[in-house]
Amino acid sequence: MLREHDGFTLVEALIAVSILAILAALAGPSLSGMTLNQQLRTAGLDLSSTLTAARSEALTRNADVTVAPNGGNWAQGWTVTAAGGTVLRRQNSYARIAVSGPPQVIFSGEGRPNSTATPFEVTAADAATHTYRCVRIRASGRPYLARGAC
């Protein structure tokens, strides 16, 4: 008497694994793009929140607060310092992300920046232009973040 076995045959298992491998290969590039888009978004939000915090500190202390790039390059991160040289906040660089902007931003005790003309652009070499982030500073000193190139 023959007994029926439960389970998959080797051929069935290989077909299932092959189909999963094809689906994973198709999904891979879109996941990479999604990860890069999230990194651009995060870097833009971090820069915007840093500018907001620096403005708030300038208002609180009624003194100048400076946001400056590390080593003169925004892509290497940035530092927020008070008038006496006290470091209030540091931001490290992001992998694959480039940031360009003014040489520095100084918020006065009234919360107004020394310059609003030059925006910050957060980009990546292998990202589509519509995924870039642009951080501008209003005349009042409040930053705002927009999607796309500046």
C-alpha atoms as a PDB file:
ATOM      1  CA  MET A   1       0.000   0.000   0.000  1.00  0.00           C
ATOM      2  CA  LEU A   2       1.433   3.384  -1.048  1.00  0.00           C
ATOM      3  CA  ARG A   3       1.301   6.231   1.373  1.00  0.00           C
ATOM      4  CA  GLU A   4       0.836   9.786   0.165  1.00  0.00           C
ATOM      5  CA  HIS A   5       3.569  12.214   1.251  1.00  0.00           C
ATOM      6  CA  ASP A   6       2.916  15.791   2.298  1.00  0.00           C
ATOM      7  CA  GLY A   7       5.228  18.604   1.201  1.00  0.00           C
ATOM      8  CA  PHE A   8       6.864  19.967  -1.912  1.00  0.00           C
ATOM      9  CA  THR A   9       8.978  18.228  -4.476  1.00  0.00           C
ATOM     10  CA  LEU A  10      12.412  19.560  -5.282  1.00  0.00           C
ATOM     11  CA  VAL A  11      11.191  20.893  -8.629  1.00  0.00           C
ATOM     12  CA  GLU A  12       8.320  22.804  -6.991  1.00  0.00           C
ATOM     13  CA  ALA A  13      10.658  24.334  -4.407  1.00  0.00           C
ATOM     14  CA  LEU A  14      13.132  25.441  -7.107  1.00  0.00           C
ATOM     15  CA  ILE A  15      10.354  27.067  -9.129  1.00  0.00           C
ATOM     16  CA  ALA A  16       9.110  28.970  -6.051  1.00  0.00           C
ATOM     17  CA  VAL A  17      12.634  30.165  -5.184  1.00  0.00           C
ATOM     18  CA  SER A  18      13.226  31.231  -8.807  1.00  0.00           C
ATOM     19  CA  ILE A  19      10.041  33.304  -8.845  1.00  0.00           C
ATOM     20  CA  LEU A  20      11.010  34.976  -5.559  1.00  0.00           C
ATOM     21  CA  ALA A  21      14.482  35.770  -6.936  1.00  0.00           C
ATOM     22  CA  ILE A  22      13.000  37.398 -10.047  1.00  0.00           C
ATOM     23  CA  LEU A  23      10.611  39.510  -7.956  1.00  0.00           C
ATOM     24  CA  ALA A  24      13.433  40.597  -5.643  1.00  0.00           C
ATOM     25  CA  ALA A  25      15.585  41.577  -8.618  1.00  0.00           C
ATOM     26  CA  LEU A  26      12.762  43.711 -10.002  1.00  0.00           C
ATOM     27  CA  ALA A  27      12.082  45.390  -6.637  1.00  0.00           C
ATOM     28  CA  GLY A  28      15.750  46.142  -5.854  1.00  0.00           C
ATOM     29  CA  PRO A  29      16.231  49.342  -7.905  1.00  0.00           C
ATOM     30  CA  SER A  30      13.026  50.933  -6.621  1.00  0.00           C
ATOM     31  CA  LEU A  31      14.041  50.218  -3.026  1.00  0.00           C
ATOM     32  CA  SER A  32      17.416  51.864  -3.642  1.00  0.00           C
ATOM     33  CA  GLY A  33      15.683  54.954  -5.031  1.00  0.00           C
ATOM     34  CA  MET A  34      13.332  55.036  -2.074  1.00  0.00           C
ATOM     35  CA  THR A  35      16.259  54.863   0.355  1.00  0.00           C
ATOM     36  CA  LEU A  36      18.074  57.725  -1.392  1.00  0.00           C
ATOM     37  CA  ASN A  37      14.885  59.812  -1.439  1.00  0.00           C
ATOM     38  CA  GLN A  38      14.497  59.258   2.305  1.00  0.00           C
ATOM     39  CA  GLN A  39      18.124  60.302   2.911  1.00  0.00           C
ATOM     40  CA  LEU A  40      17.556  63.536   0.949  1.00  0.00           C
ATOM     41  CA  ARG A  41      14.398  64.212   2.922  1.00  0.00           C
ATOM     42  CA  THR A  42      16.116  63.555   6.251  1.00  0.00           C
ATOM     43  CA  ALA A  43      19.096  65.787   5.425  1.00  0.00           C
ATOM     44  CA  GLY A  44      16.760  68.606   4.372  1.00  0.00           C
ATOM     45  CA  LEU A  45      14.693  68.282   7.535  1.00  0.00           C
ATOM     46  CA  ASP A  46      17.824  68.182   9.707  1.00  0.00           C
ATOM     47  CA  LEU A  47      19.172  71.343   8.095  1.00  0.00           C
ATOM     48  CA  SER A  48      15.827  73.101   8.450  1.00  0.00           C
ATOM     49  CA  SER A  49      15.489  72.094  12.113  1.00  0.00           C
ATOM     50  CA  THR A  50      19.075  73.206  12.798  1.00  0.00           C
ATOM     51  CA  LEU A  51      18.325  76.649  11.369  1.00  0.00           C
ATOM     52  CA  THR A  52      15.137  76.844  13.453  1.00  0.00           C
ATOM     53  CA  ALA A  53      17.039  75.865  16.605  1.00  0.00           C
ATOM     54  CA  ALA A  54      19.795  78.403  15.883  1.00  0.00           C
ATOM     55  CA  ARG A  55      17.228  81.166  15.408  1.00  0.00           C
ATOM     56  CA  SER A  56      15.516  80.174  18.644  1.00  0.00           C
ATOM     57  CA  GLU A  57      18.840  80.230  20.530  1.00  0.00           C
ATOM     58  CA  ALA A  58      19.652  83.661  19.115  1.00  0.00           C
ATOM     59  CA  LEU A  59      16.291  84.968  20.323  1.00  0.00           C
ATOM     60  CA  THR A  60      16.667  83.317  23.730  1.00  0.00           C
ATOM     61  CA  ARG A  61      20.217  84.564  24.298  1.00  0.00           C
ATOM     62  CA  ASN A  62      19.637  87.923  22.565  1.00  0.00           C
ATOM     63  CA  ALA A  63      23.008  87.373  20.898  1.00  0.00           C
ATOM     64  CA  ASP A  64      24.401  86.213  17.568  1.00  0.00           C
ATOM     65  CA  VAL A  65      24.286  82.489  16.818  1.00  0.00           C
ATOM     66  CA  THR A  66      26.218  81.130  13.840  1.00  0.00           C
ATOM     67  CA  VAL A  67      25.500  78.081  11.687  1.00  0.00           C
ATOM     68  CA  ALA A  68      28.639  77.196   9.728  1.00  0.00           C
ATOM     69  CA  PRO A  69      29.732  74.237   7.604  1.00  0.00           C
ATOM     70  CA  ASN A  70      32.373  71.860   8.927  1.00  0.00           C
ATOM     71  CA  GLY A  71      35.633  72.464   7.097  1.00  0.00           C
ATOM     72  CA  GLY A  72      33.948  75.037   4.866  1.00  0.00           C
ATOM     73  CA  ASN A  73      31.817  72.361   3.181  1.00  0.00           C
ATOM     74  CA  TRP A  74      28.155  71.833   4.075  1.00  0.00           C
ATOM     75  CA  ALA A  75      28.351  68.242   2.789  1.00  0.00           C
ATOM     76  CA  GLN A  76      30.704  67.482   5.721  1.00  0.00           C
ATOM     77  CA  GLY A  77      28.075  68.572   8.234  1.00  0.00           C
ATOM     78  CA  TRP A  78      27.614  71.771  10.204  1.00  0.00           C
ATOM     79  CA  THR A  79      28.009  73.314  13.650  1.00  0.00           C
ATOM     80  CA  VAL A  80      25.903  75.828  15.576  1.00  0.00           C
ATOM     81  CA  THR A  81      27.895  78.125  17.858  1.00  0.00           C
ATOM     82  CA  ALA A  82      26.905  80.901  20.246  1.00  0.00           C
ATOM     83  CA  ALA A  83      28.584  84.317  20.315  1.00  0.00           C
ATOM     84  CA  GLY A  84      31.146  83.181  22.911  1.00  0.00           C
ATOM     85  CA  GLY A  85      32.222  80.190  20.814  1.00  0.00           C
ATOM     86  CA  THR A  86      30.140  77.636  22.714  1.00  0.00           C
ATOM     87  CA  VAL A  87      29.107  74.780  20.428  1.00  0.00           C
ATOM     88  CA  LEU A  88      25.359  74.311  20.720  1.00  0.00           C
ATOM     89  CA  ARG A  89      24.776  71.634  18.112  1.00  0.00           C
ATOM     90  CA  ARG A  90      26.710  69.490  15.630  1.00  0.00           C
ATOM     91  CA  GLN A  91      25.543  67.605  12.586  1.00  0.00           C
ATOM     92  CA  ASN A  92      27.664  64.955  10.903  1.00  0.00           C
ATOM     93  CA  SER A  93      27.819  64.432   7.163  1.00  0.00           C
ATOM     94  CA  TYR A  94      25.492  62.153   5.237  1.00  0.00           C
ATOM     95  CA  ALA A  95      26.651  59.376   2.950  1.00  0.00           C
ATOM     96  CA  ARG A  96      25.846  60.032  -0.735  1.00  0.00           C
ATOM     97  CA  ILE A  97      24.330  63.473   0.039  1.00  0.00           C
ATOM     98  CA  ALA A  98      25.734  66.834  -1.099  1.00  0.00           C
ATOM     99  CA  VAL A  99      24.676  70.107   0.521  1.00  0.00           C
ATOM    100  CA  SER A 100      25.480  73.549  -0.839  1.00  0.00           C
ATOM    101  CA  GLY A 101      24.674  76.913   0.691  1.00  0.00           C
ATOM    102  CA  PRO A 102      26.037  80.260   1.858  1.00  0.00           C
ATOM    103  CA  PRO A 103      29.425  80.444   3.612  1.00  0.00           C
ATOM    104  CA  GLN A 104      27.577  80.683   6.964  1.00  0.00           C
ATOM    105  CA  VAL A 105      24.356  81.972   8.465  1.00  0.00           C
ATOM    106  CA  ILE A 106      24.411  84.293  11.467  1.00  0.00           C
ATOM    107  CA  PHE A 107      21.175  84.906  13.346  1.00  0.00           C
ATOM    108  CA  SER A 108      21.090  88.176  15.290  1.00  0.00           C
ATOM    109  CA  GLY A 109      19.522  88.584  18.718  1.00  0.00           C
ATOM    110  CA  GLU A 110      16.272  89.544  16.962  1.00  0.00           C
ATOM    111  CA  GLY A 111      16.238  86.193  15.126  1.00  0.00           C
ATOM    112  CA  ARG A 112      16.962  87.678  11.727  1.00  0.00           C
ATOM    113  CA  PRO A 113      19.586  86.102   9.472  1.00  0.00           C
ATOM    114  CA  ASN A 114      22.485  87.994   7.895  1.00  0.00           C
ATOM    115  CA  SER A 115      21.455  86.663   4.472  1.00  0.00           C
ATOM    116  CA  THR A 116      18.333  85.198   2.925  1.00  0.00           C
ATOM    117  CA  ALA A 117      19.416  85.344  -0.716  1.00  0.00           C
ATOM    118  CA  THR A 118      21.377  82.082  -0.931  1.00  0.00           C
ATOM    119  CA  PRO A 119      19.322  78.936  -0.419  1.00  0.00           C
ATOM    120  CA  PHE A 120      20.638  75.573   0.704  1.00  0.00           C
ATOM    121  CA  GLU A 121      20.361  72.791  -1.870  1.00  0.00           C
ATOM    122  CA  VAL A 122      20.382  69.152  -0.739  1.00  0.00           C
ATOM    123  CA  THR A 123      21.252  66.862  -3.653  1.00  0.00           C
ATOM    124  CA  ALA A 124      22.684  63.485  -4.562  1.00  0.00           C
ATOM    125  CA  ALA A 125      24.572  62.494  -7.703  1.00  0.00           C
ATOM    126  CA  ASP A 126      22.314  59.551  -8.567  1.00  0.00           C
ATOM    127  CA  ALA A 127      18.964  61.121  -7.576  1.00  0.00           C
ATOM    128  CA  ALA A 128      16.312  62.655  -9.793  1.00  0.00           C
ATOM    129  CA  THR A 129      16.051  66.453  -9.649  1.00  0.00           C
ATOM    130  CA  HIS A 130      12.481  66.340  -8.345  1.00  0.00           C
ATOM    131  CA  THR A 131      13.690  64.527  -5.197  1.00  0.00           C
ATOM    132  CA  TYR A 132      16.189  67.253  -4.244  1.00  0.00           C
ATOM    133  CA  ARG A 133      15.420  69.487  -1.272  1.00  0.00           C
ATOM    134  CA  CYS A 134      15.740  73.266  -1.103  1.00  0.00           C
ATOM    135  CA  VAL A 135      15.932  75.086   2.238  1.00  0.00           C
ATOM    136  CA  ARG A 136      15.340  78.833   2.084  1.00  0.00           C
ATOM    137  CA  ILE A 137      15.373  81.339   4.915  1.00  0.00           C
ATOM    138  CA  ARG A 138      12.656  83.965   5.010  1.00  0.00           C
ATOM    139  CA  ALA A 139      13.496  87.564   5.942  1.00  0.00           C
ATOM    140  CA  SER A 140      11.945  86.886   9.359  1.00  0.00           C
ATOM    141  CA  GLY A 141      14.546  84.141   9.888  1.00  0.00           C
ATOM    142  CA  ARG A 142      12.213  81.181   9.615  1.00  0.00           C
ATOM    143  CA  PRO A 143      13.452  78.454   7.283  1.00  0.00           C
ATOM    144  CA  TYR A 144      11.178  76.525   4.972  1.00  0.00           C
ATOM    145  CA  LEU A 145      11.811  73.321   3.096  1.00  0.00           C
ATOM    146  CA  ALA A 146      10.653  72.702  -0.463  1.00  0.00           C
ATOM    147  CA  ARG A 147      10.932  69.649  -2.678  1.00  0.00           C
ATOM    148  CA  GLY A 148      12.893  69.991  -5.910  1.00  0.00           C
ATOM    149  CA  ALA A 149      15.907  71.966  -7.054  1.00  0.00           C
ATOM    150  CA  CYS A 150      16.356  75.551  -5.846  1.00  0.00           C
END
